[in-house]
Amino acid sequence: MWIFHTEGLLSIVENRNDKSFLLVRARKSEHITKVFPHSLPKYTPNADYHWRVSLPRGQVQAVIIQMIANIDYDNFKEAANPALKSVYSNVWADGLALEKVNERVYLLGPDEDESSWPRYTY
């Protein structure tokens, strides 16, 4: 699972040596320590993600749940660390390839009442 947070990008997978643990990986150690401040990421220069730490599943789950509960922004890219904006914007733009332009629906109207918005397909 990839998790983009305001201070970095994490890749979280099952630890193949102990299924009760998850391997939290990142391109930069601080992307891990911003979320798991008491962890000590290990440098693994021959791996695709150079930084990783193995943590109990329950601990990772609790932290991710708290991160979601603490969301206080209405625009993720704008809330992200400025050093990450271009990376996140590129991921967002690449994600547009998953949509078919002729099927895209544009919603116009007040934010608080999406169900009443008129829908225009272009």
Protein backbone atom coordinates (compact mmCIF):
# COMPACT_ATOMS: atom_id res chain seq x y z
CA MET A 1 0.00 0.00 0.00
CA TRP A 2 1.26 3.44 -0.84
CA ILE A 3 0.37 6.22 1.54
CA PHE A 4 1.00 9.80 0.55
CA HIS A 5 0.97 12.06 3.59
CA THR A 6 1.73 15.75 3.92
CA GLU A 7 5.35 15.04 4.89
CA GLY A 8 6.22 12.10 2.65
CA LEU A 9 5.40 8.88 0.87
CA LEU A 10 5.29 5.47 2.51
CA SER A 11 5.13 2.01 1.00
CA ILE A 12 3.70 -0.47 3.49
CA VAL A 13 3.86 -4.21 2.87
CA GLU A 14 3.71 -7.38 4.91
CA ASN A 15 7.02 -8.43 6.45
CA ARG A 16 7.69 -11.71 4.68
CA ASN A 17 9.69 -12.99 7.68
CA ASP A 18 7.00 -12.26 10.27
CA LYS A 19 3.43 -11.77 9.10
CA SER A 20 2.50 -10.07 12.38
CA PHE A 21 4.72 -7.15 11.32
CA LEU A 22 4.49 -4.66 8.47
CA LEU A 23 7.47 -3.27 6.63
CA VAL A 24 7.20 0.51 6.34
CA ARG A 25 9.45 1.70 3.53
CA ALA A 26 10.33 5.13 2.14
CA ARG A 27 12.71 6.97 -0.15
CA LYS A 28 13.79 9.23 2.74
CA SER A 29 14.10 8.26 6.39
CA GLU A 30 12.22 11.35 7.56
CA HIS A 31 9.15 10.23 5.62
CA ILE A 32 8.99 7.33 8.09
CA THR A 33 10.03 9.20 11.23
CA LYS A 34 7.46 11.99 10.66
CA VAL A 35 4.75 9.35 11.02
CA PHE A 36 6.51 6.90 13.35
CA PRO A 37 8.71 9.22 15.44
CA HIS A 38 9.97 6.49 17.79
CA SER A 39 11.12 4.23 14.98
CA LEU A 40 14.68 3.88 13.73
CA PRO A 41 14.61 3.26 9.97
CA LYS A 42 17.34 1.05 8.58
CA TYR A 43 19.30 2.15 5.51
CA THR A 44 19.14 -0.49 2.78
CA PRO A 45 21.00 0.88 -0.27
CA ASN A 46 20.44 -2.21 -2.42
CA ALA A 47 16.67 -2.18 -2.00
CA ASP A 48 14.17 -0.24 -4.09
CA TYR A 49 13.22 1.83 -1.02
CA HIS A 50 16.44 2.78 0.79
CA TRP A 51 14.77 3.25 4.18
CA ARG A 52 12.64 0.73 6.08
CA VAL A 53 11.47 -0.31 9.49
CA SER A 54 9.51 -3.36 10.61
CA LEU A 55 6.66 -2.50 12.99
CA PRO A 56 3.83 -4.48 14.57
CA ARG A 57 0.68 -4.42 12.43
CA GLY A 58 -1.39 -2.99 15.29
CA GLN A 59 0.99 -0.08 15.75
CA VAL A 60 0.94 0.81 12.05
CA GLN A 61 -2.84 0.49 11.98
CA ALA A 62 -3.28 2.76 15.01
CA VAL A 63 -1.01 5.44 13.57
CA ILE A 64 -2.71 5.42 10.16
CA ILE A 65 -6.16 5.62 11.79
CA GLN A 66 -4.96 8.62 13.82
CA MET A 67 -3.54 10.29 10.70
CA ILE A 68 -6.95 10.00 9.05
CA ALA A 69 -8.71 11.32 12.14
CA ASN A 70 -6.37 14.33 12.17
CA ILE A 71 -7.01 15.47 8.60
CA ASP A 72 -7.71 19.20 8.80
CA TYR A 73 -7.27 20.34 5.21
CA ASP A 74 -9.59 20.45 2.21
CA ASN A 75 -6.86 20.27 -0.44
CA PHE A 76 -4.15 17.66 0.05
CA LYS A 77 -1.63 18.97 -2.49
CA GLU A 78 -1.84 22.45 -0.96
CA ALA A 79 -1.36 21.03 2.55
CA ALA A 80 1.67 18.96 1.57
CA ASN A 81 5.22 20.01 2.29
CA PRO A 82 6.25 22.36 -0.56
CA ALA A 83 9.22 20.09 -1.33
CA LEU A 84 6.73 17.33 -2.25
CA LYS A 85 4.26 19.37 -4.31
CA SER A 86 5.75 18.61 -7.71
CA VAL A 87 5.93 14.87 -6.98
CA TYR A 88 2.34 14.81 -5.72
CA SER A 89 1.12 16.95 -8.63
CA ASN A 90 2.76 14.53 -11.06
CA VAL A 91 1.08 11.55 -9.37
CA TRP A 92 -2.26 13.39 -9.50
CA ALA A 93 -1.77 14.21 -13.19
CA ASP A 94 -0.74 10.64 -14.03
CA GLY A 95 -3.87 9.43 -12.25
CA LEU A 96 -5.98 11.33 -14.77
CA ALA A 97 -4.98 8.67 -17.31
CA LEU A 98 -7.30 6.31 -15.43
CA GLU A 99 -10.28 8.41 -16.48
CA LYS A 100 -11.77 8.60 -19.93
CA VAL A 101 -12.09 12.28 -20.75
CA ASN A 102 -15.44 11.83 -22.51
CA GLU A 103 -16.84 10.16 -19.36
CA ARG A 104 -15.67 12.85 -16.99
CA VAL A 105 -18.50 14.52 -15.14
CA TYR A 106 -18.11 18.10 -13.99
CA LEU A 107 -20.03 19.11 -10.91
CA LEU A 108 -20.99 22.71 -10.34
CA GLY A 109 -22.61 23.98 -7.19
CA PRO A 110 -22.17 24.56 -3.47
CA ASP A 111 -19.73 22.31 -1.67
CA GLU A 112 -22.18 21.47 1.08
CA ASP A 113 -24.81 19.83 -1.14
CA GLU A 114 -23.19 17.63 -3.79
CA SER A 115 -26.37 15.65 -4.45
CA SER A 116 -28.12 18.74 -5.83
CA TRP A 117 -25.29 19.76 -8.15
CA PRO A 118 -26.14 19.84 -11.84
CA ARG A 119 -24.04 17.37 -13.80
CA TYR A 120 -22.54 18.24 -17.14
CA THR A 121 -20.73 15.66 -19.25
CA TYR A 122 -18.31 16.94 -21.87
